[in-house]
């Protein structure tokens, strides 16, 4: 559709006839994300028309959510090896203009500091010690105990900015760094907790980023499952997939909105979760 036609259509959102507005909104929705820049420009010019602004905001949000759903489906089907992209897509729900490069730059800063301190042929325990020093002492990341259920824990840009996160958020930082450092560190999806496995051949052990990278072993998972009254299962001792990680973060995000009574956002996140079922 021509630019002039799109602009003319958007101008009709201000019509007094509700039927006309409904038809125009449906036509704009059919245009998809192509219409978003035009809607945003019109919003900037309509500061004295709150009704029109509200209609435009609603359309932009719905179009962005629809586009985000498509991106999530594509990620799940063919791009799930890229954990950072999955985290970026979640953050885009709240920050649609966020660039993935913004996240990459912060990860690279931490990775560089680790690289400076490492040597060849280091023992896995010593490697973890350095990573812990850099993350928790140099960059001062910490567990977000005070706001454990906050939606900020699911927005990776906020985690990187505030230097706080829940178990899965801090674990994601660890996983992304490990991939850059070519270390076999992956997520482990425990009940009510998310930890890491350093899957070193013949010497596997576990890491708890929510406790400043504390090292522990399979017997400790045995004890934890007993305390939780959960039957042991292989999935609690082995690496989970990136798809499972993103699904867990979206589940946490949905619960965050439920806790504060934001039913609209909860339902929207649940719609995204349907992609992973």
Protein backbone atom coordinates (compact mmCIF):
# COMPACT_ATOMS: atom_id res chain seq x y z
CA UNK A 1 0.00 0.00 0.00
CA UNK A 2 1.23 3.51 -0.83
CA UNK A 3 2.43 5.81 1.92
CA UNK A 4 -0.32 8.32 1.11
CA UNK A 5 -2.98 5.62 1.46
CA UNK A 6 -1.67 4.50 4.84
CA UNK A 7 -1.60 8.07 6.15
CA UNK A 8 -5.14 8.68 4.89
CA UNK A 9 -6.33 5.53 6.59
CA UNK A 10 -4.74 6.49 9.92
CA UNK A 11 -6.40 9.91 9.74
CA UNK A 12 -9.79 8.15 9.79
CA UNK A 13 -9.09 6.75 13.27
CA UNK A 14 -10.40 10.10 14.50
CA UNK A 15 -13.80 9.56 12.87
CA UNK A 16 -16.89 9.92 15.05
CA UNK A 17 -18.50 6.86 13.47
CA UNK A 18 -17.46 3.79 15.49
CA UNK A 19 -18.14 1.49 12.54
CA UNK A 20 -15.72 3.47 10.39
CA UNK A 21 -13.10 3.30 13.14
CA UNK A 22 -13.55 -0.48 13.46
CA UNK A 23 -13.09 -0.97 9.71
CA UNK A 24 -10.01 1.26 9.66
CA UNK A 25 -8.46 -0.51 12.65
CA UNK A 26 -8.95 -3.91 11.00
CA UNK A 27 -7.41 -2.66 7.76
CA UNK A 28 -4.42 -1.26 9.63
CA UNK A 29 -3.99 -4.53 11.52
CA UNK A 30 -3.90 -6.35 8.19
CA UNK A 31 -0.93 -4.21 7.17
CA UNK A 32 1.09 -5.67 10.04
CA UNK A 33 4.29 -4.10 11.35
CA UNK A 34 4.58 -1.95 8.19
CA UNK A 35 2.00 0.38 9.72
CA UNK A 36 3.82 0.95 13.04
CA UNK A 37 6.18 3.78 11.92
CA UNK A 38 3.26 5.68 10.38
CA UNK A 39 1.17 5.23 13.52
CA UNK A 40 4.01 6.47 15.72
CA UNK A 41 4.51 9.60 13.61
CA UNK A 42 0.80 10.36 13.74
CA UNK A 43 0.82 9.86 17.52
CA UNK A 44 3.54 12.53 17.86
CA UNK A 45 1.37 15.01 15.95
CA UNK A 46 -1.81 14.26 17.91
CA UNK A 47 -0.81 15.46 21.38
CA UNK A 48 -3.99 17.53 21.67
CA UNK A 49 -6.22 14.58 20.81
CA UNK A 50 -6.09 12.03 23.65
CA UNK A 51 -8.78 9.81 22.07
CA UNK A 52 -6.79 9.43 18.87
CA UNK A 53 -3.57 8.87 20.82
CA UNK A 54 -5.18 6.09 22.82
CA UNK A 55 -6.44 4.38 19.66
CA UNK A 56 -3.01 4.62 18.07
CA UNK A 57 -1.28 3.30 21.20
CA UNK A 58 -3.63 0.32 21.27
CA UNK A 59 -3.00 -0.44 17.60
CA UNK A 60 0.78 -0.16 17.92
CA UNK A 61 0.76 -2.44 20.96
CA UNK A 62 -1.42 -5.06 19.25
CA UNK A 63 0.69 -4.99 16.09
CA UNK A 64 3.90 -5.26 18.12
CA UNK A 65 2.51 -8.19 20.11
CA UNK A 66 1.44 -9.99 16.95
CA UNK A 67 4.88 -9.46 15.42
CA UNK A 68 6.53 -10.61 18.65
CA UNK A 69 4.48 -13.82 18.56
CA UNK A 70 5.73 -14.53 15.04
CA UNK A 71 9.31 -13.87 16.11
CA UNK A 72 8.96 -16.21 19.09
CA UNK A 73 7.57 -18.97 16.87
CA UNK A 74 10.47 -18.54 14.45
CA UNK A 75 12.95 -18.59 17.34
CA UNK A 76 11.46 -21.77 18.78
CA UNK A 77 11.45 -23.56 15.42
CA UNK A 78 14.85 -22.59 14.03
CA UNK A 79 16.82 -20.18 16.24
CA UNK A 80 16.66 -21.67 19.74
CA UNK A 81 20.42 -22.19 19.85
CA UNK A 82 20.64 -18.40 20.32
CA UNK A 83 19.65 -17.88 23.97
CA UNK A 84 20.41 -14.17 23.89
CA UNK A 85 17.88 -13.66 21.11
CA UNK A 86 15.23 -15.47 23.14
CA UNK A 87 15.95 -13.23 26.14
CA UNK A 88 15.85 -10.18 23.88
CA UNK A 89 12.44 -11.16 22.52
CA UNK A 90 11.04 -11.41 26.06
CA UNK A 91 12.41 -7.96 26.90
CA UNK A 92 10.88 -6.56 23.71
CA UNK A 93 7.43 -7.26 25.16
CA UNK A 94 8.03 -4.37 27.57
CA UNK A 95 10.68 -2.52 25.54
CA UNK A 96 9.71 -2.87 21.85
CA UNK A 97 12.51 -0.56 20.65
CA UNK A 98 15.26 -2.43 22.51
CA UNK A 99 18.20 -3.43 20.28
CA UNK A 100 19.86 -6.81 20.81
CA UNK A 101 23.22 -5.06 20.41
CA UNK A 102 22.54 -3.27 23.71
CA UNK A 103 22.48 -6.62 25.49
CA UNK A 104 25.48 -7.96 23.56
CA UNK A 105 27.65 -5.01 24.58
CA UNK A 106 27.03 -5.62 28.27
CA UNK A 107 27.76 -9.35 27.94
CA UNK A 108 30.97 -8.58 26.07
CA UNK A 109 32.17 -6.28 28.87
CA UNK A 110 31.87 -9.09 31.42
CA UNK A 111 33.36 -11.67 29.05
CA UNK A 112 36.41 -9.47 28.39
CA UNK A 113 37.11 -9.08 32.09
CA UNK A 114 36.95 -12.87 32.55
CA UNK A 115 39.21 -13.45 29.56
CA UNK A 116 41.84 -11.08 30.96
CA UNK A 117 42.02 -13.12 34.17
CA UNK A 118 42.08 -16.61 32.66
CA UNK A 119 44.97 -18.82 31.63
CA UNK A 120 45.28 -21.87 29.42
CA UNK A 121 44.43 -25.32 30.79
CA UNK A 122 42.77 -24.09 33.97
CA UNK A 123 40.98 -26.54 36.27
CA UNK A 124 37.17 -26.23 35.95
CA UNK A 125 36.86 -25.19 39.61
CA UNK A 126 39.41 -22.42 39.11
CA UNK A 127 37.58 -21.26 35.99
CA UNK A 128 34.32 -21.04 37.92
CA UNK A 129 36.09 -19.15 40.69
CA UNK A 130 37.24 -16.49 38.22
CA UNK A 131 33.81 -16.20 36.62
CA UNK A 132 32.27 -15.78 40.07
CA UNK A 133 34.81 -13.10 41.02
CA UNK A 134 34.10 -11.13 37.87
CA UNK A 135 30.29 -11.41 38.01
CA UNK A 136 29.68 -11.04 41.73
CA UNK A 137 32.67 -9.01 42.94
CA UNK A 138 33.92 -6.95 40.01
CA UNK A 139 30.55 -6.19 38.36
CA UNK A 140 28.63 -6.68 41.64
CA UNK A 141 25.69 -8.71 40.36
CA UNK A 142 23.50 -9.94 43.18
CA UNK A 143 20.36 -12.00 43.78
CA UNK A 144 17.16 -9.99 43.67
CA UNK A 145 15.84 -11.30 46.97
CA UNK A 146 13.77 -8.23 47.87
CA UNK A 147 11.80 -8.29 44.60
CA UNK A 148 12.03 -11.98 43.77
CA UNK A 149 8.78 -12.05 41.80
CA UNK A 150 9.23 -8.72 40.01
CA UNK A 151 8.80 -8.65 36.24
CA UNK A 152 12.22 -6.95 36.08
CA UNK A 153 13.81 -10.37 36.63
CA UNK A 154 12.40 -11.50 33.30
CA UNK A 155 13.58 -8.41 31.38
CA UNK A 156 17.22 -9.18 30.63
CA UNK A 157 18.03 -5.55 29.85
CA UNK A 158 16.89 -4.60 33.36
CA UNK A 159 18.91 -7.44 34.87
CA UNK A 160 22.04 -6.16 33.10
CA UNK A 161 21.33 -2.56 34.08
CA UNK A 162 20.35 -3.09 37.71
CA UNK A 163 22.86 -5.94 38.26
CA UNK A 164 20.14 -7.97 39.99
CA UNK A 165 18.19 -11.04 39.03
CA UNK A 166 16.38 -14.18 40.12
CA UNK A 167 17.98 -17.66 39.74
CA UNK A 168 17.14 -18.12 36.06
CA UNK A 169 18.21 -14.57 35.11
CA UNK A 170 21.63 -14.88 36.77
CA UNK A 171 22.00 -18.36 35.30
CA UNK A 172 21.32 -16.98 31.81
CA UNK A 173 24.13 -14.47 32.25
CA UNK A 174 26.40 -17.33 33.27
CA UNK A 175 25.33 -19.50 30.30
CA UNK A 176 25.91 -16.71 27.79
CA UNK A 177 29.38 -16.04 29.19
CA UNK A 178 30.21 -19.75 29.23
CA UNK A 179 29.30 -20.07 25.56
CA UNK A 180 31.65 -17.20 24.68
CA UNK A 181 34.39 -18.85 26.73
CA UNK A 182 33.69 -22.27 25.17
CA UNK A 183 32.80 -23.83 28.52
CA UNK A 184 30.23 -26.67 28.88
CA UNK A 185 27.93 -24.86 31.31
CA UNK A 186 24.19 -25.28 30.85
CA UNK A 187 20.93 -24.69 32.71
CA UNK A 188 19.24 -27.21 34.99
CA UNK A 189 15.51 -26.78 35.53
CA UNK A 190 14.85 -27.72 39.16
CA UNK A 191 11.49 -27.25 40.92
CA UNK A 192 11.37 -23.71 42.37
CA UNK A 193 15.04 -23.21 41.55
CA UNK A 194 17.25 -22.85 38.50
CA UNK A 195 20.91 -23.83 38.60
CA UNK A 196 23.74 -24.78 36.24
CA UNK A 197 25.73 -27.88 35.38
CA UNK A 198 29.39 -27.71 34.43
CA UNK A 199 29.22 -30.79 32.21
CA UNK A 200 32.93 -31.52 32.25
CA UNK A 201 33.66 -35.09 31.00
CA UNK A 202 34.21 -37.33 33.99
CA UNK A 203 33.89 -34.42 36.41
CA UNK A 204 30.39 -32.91 36.24
CA UNK A 205 29.33 -30.56 39.02
CA UNK A 206 26.70 -27.90 39.63
CA UNK A 207 26.72 -24.13 40.16
CA UNK A 208 24.19 -21.95 41.96
CA UNK A 209 24.43 -18.37 40.58
CA UNK A 210 21.75 -17.23 43.04
CA UNK A 211 24.26 -18.00 45.80
CA UNK A 212 27.23 -16.24 44.17
CA UNK A 213 28.19 -19.27 42.07
CA UNK A 214 28.39 -21.82 44.87
CA UNK A 215 29.57 -25.24 43.64
CA UNK A 216 27.62 -28.36 44.65
CA UNK A 217 27.10 -31.95 43.54
CA UNK A 218 24.45 -34.48 42.56
CA UNK A 219 23.97 -35.65 46.15
CA UNK A 220 22.93 -32.10 47.04
CA UNK A 221 20.22 -32.27 44.38
CA UNK A 222 19.12 -35.56 45.96
CA UNK A 223 18.71 -33.77 49.30
CA UNK A 224 16.96 -30.79 47.71
CA UNK A 225 14.39 -32.99 45.97
CA UNK A 226 13.72 -34.84 49.23
CA UNK A 227 13.09 -31.53 51.00
CA UNK A 228 10.70 -30.53 48.21
CA UNK A 229 8.96 -33.94 48.33
CA UNK A 230 9.68 -34.35 44.61
CA UNK A 231 10.50 -37.73 43.10
CA UNK A 232 13.97 -37.87 41.49
CA UNK A 233 14.06 -37.63 37.70
CA UNK A 234 16.89 -37.46 35.17
CA UNK A 235 15.71 -34.04 34.02
CA UNK A 236 16.68 -32.58 37.42
CA UNK A 237 20.30 -33.63 36.95
CA UNK A 238 20.85 -32.90 33.26
CA UNK A 239 21.04 -29.80 31.07
CA UNK A 240 17.76 -28.36 29.84
CA UNK A 241 17.20 -26.72 26.45
CA UNK A 242 17.07 -23.02 25.67
CA UNK A 243 13.40 -23.48 24.80
CA UNK A 244 12.76 -24.72 28.34
CA UNK A 245 14.63 -21.73 29.74
CA UNK A 246 12.58 -19.20 27.75
CA UNK A 247 9.37 -21.02 28.65
CA UNK A 248 10.28 -20.84 32.34
CA UNK A 249 11.04 -17.11 32.13
CA UNK A 250 7.72 -16.43 30.41
CA UNK A 251 5.97 -18.49 33.11
CA UNK A 252 7.70 -16.37 35.76
CA UNK A 253 6.67 -13.20 33.92
CA UNK A 254 3.04 -14.31 33.78
CA UNK A 255 3.13 -14.99 37.54
CA UNK A 256 4.67 -11.55 38.15
CA UNK A 257 1.73 -9.85 36.45
CA UNK A 258 -0.71 -12.10 38.28
CA UNK A 259 0.84 -11.05 41.61
CA UNK A 260 0.19 -7.36 40.90
CA UNK A 261 -3.25 -7.98 39.40
CA UNK A 262 -2.37 -6.94 35.83
CA UNK A 263 -4.73 -9.31 34.06
CA UNK A 264 -4.20 -7.78 30.61
CA UNK A 265 -0.44 -8.31 30.61
CA UNK A 266 -0.81 -11.72 32.21
CA UNK A 267 -3.13 -12.84 29.41
CA UNK A 268 -0.80 -11.43 26.75
CA UNK A 269 2.18 -13.31 28.18
CA UNK A 270 0.06 -16.46 28.43
CA UNK A 271 -0.65 -16.06 24.71
CA UNK A 272 3.11 -16.07 24.09
CA UNK A 273 3.43 -19.12 26.32
CA UNK A 274 1.00 -21.01 24.10
CA UNK A 275 3.69 -20.99 21.42
CA UNK A 276 5.83 -23.22 23.65
CA UNK A 277 3.20 -25.86 24.39
